[in-house]
Structure formats: C-alpha cells, structure tokens
N, C-alpha and C. Protein backbone atom coordinates (compact mmCIF):
# COMPACT_ATOMS: atom_id res chain seq x y z
N MET A 1 32.31 -27.04 78.37
CA MET A 1 31.56 -28.27 78.29
C MET A 1 31.43 -28.85 79.69
N SER A 2 30.34 -29.56 79.89
CA SER A 2 30.16 -30.21 81.18
C SER A 2 29.38 -31.50 80.99
N LEU A 3 29.31 -32.28 82.03
CA LEU A 3 28.59 -33.54 81.99
C LEU A 3 27.34 -33.49 82.85
N ASP A 4 26.76 -32.31 82.98
CA ASP A 4 25.53 -32.14 83.77
C ASP A 4 24.34 -32.71 83.02
N GLU A 5 23.26 -32.89 83.74
CA GLU A 5 21.99 -33.27 83.12
C GLU A 5 21.46 -32.08 82.34
N PRO A 6 20.76 -32.32 81.23
CA PRO A 6 20.19 -31.21 80.47
C PRO A 6 19.24 -30.38 81.32
N GLN A 7 19.27 -29.07 81.12
CA GLN A 7 18.37 -28.15 81.80
C GLN A 7 17.08 -28.03 81.00
N GLU A 8 16.05 -27.51 81.62
CA GLU A 8 14.73 -27.43 81.00
C GLU A 8 14.75 -26.63 79.69
N ASP A 9 15.57 -25.58 79.61
CA ASP A 9 15.58 -24.74 78.41
C ASP A 9 16.66 -25.13 77.40
N ASP A 10 17.37 -26.24 77.62
CA ASP A 10 18.37 -26.72 76.67
C ASP A 10 17.71 -27.38 75.47
N GLN A 11 18.36 -27.28 74.34
CA GLN A 11 17.94 -28.02 73.15
C GLN A 11 18.71 -29.33 73.19
N VAL A 12 18.02 -30.46 73.19
CA VAL A 12 18.66 -31.76 73.28
C VAL A 12 18.57 -32.44 71.92
N GLU A 13 19.72 -32.88 71.43
CA GLU A 13 19.80 -33.58 70.15
C GLU A 13 20.67 -34.82 70.31
N VAL A 14 20.45 -35.79 69.44
CA VAL A 14 21.32 -36.97 69.38
C VAL A 14 22.14 -36.83 68.11
N ILE A 15 23.46 -36.76 68.29
CA ILE A 15 24.38 -36.57 67.17
C ILE A 15 25.32 -37.77 67.14
N ASN A 16 25.27 -38.52 66.06
CA ASN A 16 26.08 -39.74 65.92
C ASN A 16 25.92 -40.66 67.13
N GLY A 17 24.70 -40.77 67.63
CA GLY A 17 24.40 -41.67 68.73
C GLY A 17 24.72 -41.12 70.11
N ILE A 18 25.16 -39.88 70.19
CA ILE A 18 25.52 -39.26 71.47
C ILE A 18 24.51 -38.15 71.77
N GLN A 19 23.89 -38.21 72.97
CA GLN A 19 22.96 -37.17 73.37
C GLN A 19 23.72 -35.91 73.77
N VAL A 20 23.36 -34.79 73.14
CA VAL A 20 24.03 -33.52 73.38
C VAL A 20 22.99 -32.49 73.79
N ALA A 21 23.24 -31.80 74.90
CA ALA A 21 22.36 -30.72 75.36
C ALA A 21 23.03 -29.39 75.05
N ILE A 22 22.31 -28.52 74.36
CA ILE A 22 22.86 -27.24 73.95
C ILE A 22 22.12 -26.12 74.67
N ASP A 23 22.86 -25.30 75.40
CA ASP A 23 22.27 -24.17 76.10
C ASP A 23 21.62 -23.25 75.07
N SER A 24 20.37 -22.90 75.28
CA SER A 24 19.64 -22.09 74.31
C SER A 24 20.33 -20.75 74.06
N TYR A 25 21.04 -20.21 75.05
CA TYR A 25 21.76 -18.95 74.88
C TYR A 25 22.89 -19.08 73.85
N LEU A 26 23.55 -20.23 73.82
CA LEU A 26 24.70 -20.42 72.94
C LEU A 26 24.36 -20.93 71.55
N GLU A 27 23.12 -21.32 71.35
CA GLU A 27 22.73 -21.96 70.10
C GLU A 27 23.10 -21.14 68.86
N GLU A 28 22.87 -19.84 68.88
CA GLU A 28 23.18 -19.02 67.71
C GLU A 28 24.68 -18.96 67.42
N TYR A 29 25.53 -19.13 68.44
CA TYR A 29 26.97 -19.05 68.26
C TYR A 29 27.57 -20.36 67.76
N ILE A 30 26.92 -21.47 68.04
CA ILE A 30 27.51 -22.76 67.72
C ILE A 30 26.79 -23.48 66.57
N ASN A 31 25.86 -22.81 65.93
CA ASN A 31 25.07 -23.44 64.88
C ASN A 31 25.92 -24.07 63.78
N ASP A 32 27.02 -23.43 63.38
CA ASP A 32 27.85 -23.93 62.29
C ASP A 32 29.16 -24.57 62.76
N LEU A 33 29.31 -24.81 64.05
CA LEU A 33 30.54 -25.41 64.56
C LEU A 33 30.64 -26.89 64.21
N VAL A 34 31.88 -27.32 64.01
CA VAL A 34 32.19 -28.74 63.81
C VAL A 34 33.15 -29.13 64.91
N PHE A 35 32.81 -30.21 65.63
CA PHE A 35 33.66 -30.75 66.70
C PHE A 35 34.36 -31.96 66.11
N ASP A 36 35.69 -31.93 66.04
CA ASP A 36 36.43 -32.97 65.34
C ASP A 36 37.70 -33.31 66.09
N TYR A 37 38.20 -34.52 65.89
CA TYR A 37 39.49 -34.92 66.46
C TYR A 37 40.54 -34.79 65.37
N LYS A 38 41.58 -34.03 65.65
CA LYS A 38 42.67 -33.84 64.69
C LYS A 38 43.90 -34.62 65.15
N LYS A 39 44.25 -35.65 64.39
CA LYS A 39 45.40 -36.47 64.75
C LYS A 39 46.69 -35.66 64.81
N GLU A 40 46.83 -34.71 63.86
CA GLU A 40 48.07 -33.93 63.81
C GLU A 40 48.26 -33.06 65.06
N TYR A 41 47.15 -32.69 65.74
CA TYR A 41 47.23 -31.92 66.98
C TYR A 41 47.12 -32.81 68.21
N GLY A 42 46.59 -34.02 68.02
CA GLY A 42 46.40 -34.92 69.15
C GLY A 42 45.32 -34.45 70.10
N GLN A 43 44.32 -33.74 69.56
CA GLN A 43 43.25 -33.20 70.41
C GLN A 43 41.98 -32.93 69.60
N PHE A 44 40.91 -32.67 70.33
CA PHE A 44 39.65 -32.28 69.71
C PHE A 44 39.69 -30.78 69.43
N VAL A 45 39.06 -30.38 68.32
CA VAL A 45 39.02 -28.97 67.96
C VAL A 45 37.61 -28.60 67.49
N PHE A 46 37.27 -27.33 67.64
CA PHE A 46 36.04 -26.76 67.09
C PHE A 46 36.44 -25.92 65.89
N THR A 47 35.74 -26.08 64.76
CA THR A 47 35.99 -25.25 63.59
C THR A 47 34.66 -24.75 63.04
N GLY A 48 34.69 -23.68 62.28
CA GLY A 48 33.52 -23.21 61.59
C GLY A 48 32.89 -21.94 62.12
N TYR A 49 33.27 -21.45 63.30
CA TYR A 49 32.68 -20.22 63.83
C TYR A 49 33.38 -19.02 63.21
N GLU A 50 32.61 -18.13 62.61
CA GLU A 50 33.18 -16.97 61.93
C GLU A 50 32.93 -15.66 62.68
N GLY A 51 32.40 -15.71 63.90
CA GLY A 51 32.06 -14.50 64.65
C GLY A 51 33.25 -13.89 65.36
N ASN A 52 32.95 -12.97 66.27
CA ASN A 52 33.99 -12.24 67.00
C ASN A 52 34.34 -12.87 68.33
N GLY A 53 33.90 -14.05 68.60
CA GLY A 53 34.19 -14.71 69.86
C GLY A 53 32.92 -15.11 70.55
N CYS A 54 33.07 -15.91 71.56
CA CYS A 54 31.89 -16.45 72.23
C CYS A 54 32.02 -16.25 73.73
C-alpha cells in the first residue's frame, strides 16, 4: 500500500467515504478481499483471497 496519487490506469473508487486507487494489474487478485480491523490481533487484516498468492 502507498499514499501516492492515483495513476492514469488505476481504478479509483470511494469506499465508505475513502478514495481508493487500485492498480489495474492487481484488480483480479483483490476483487474479493475484505480489509478489516481485528481487535483480537490489534491490527488490520485482509481476508477472502483464495488464490495461490499475490
């Protein structure tokens, strides 16, 4: 993740009021991901990807 400005080929969406730029190359890998904060871990986690890695 980074805090750069969106690139020309990024897909830009607003999710829960936050602008998110998604690299078009990664879109197929992150389509079903959920970004969530887990209190029991004390950190943010990604869940939902069923592939062989990214």
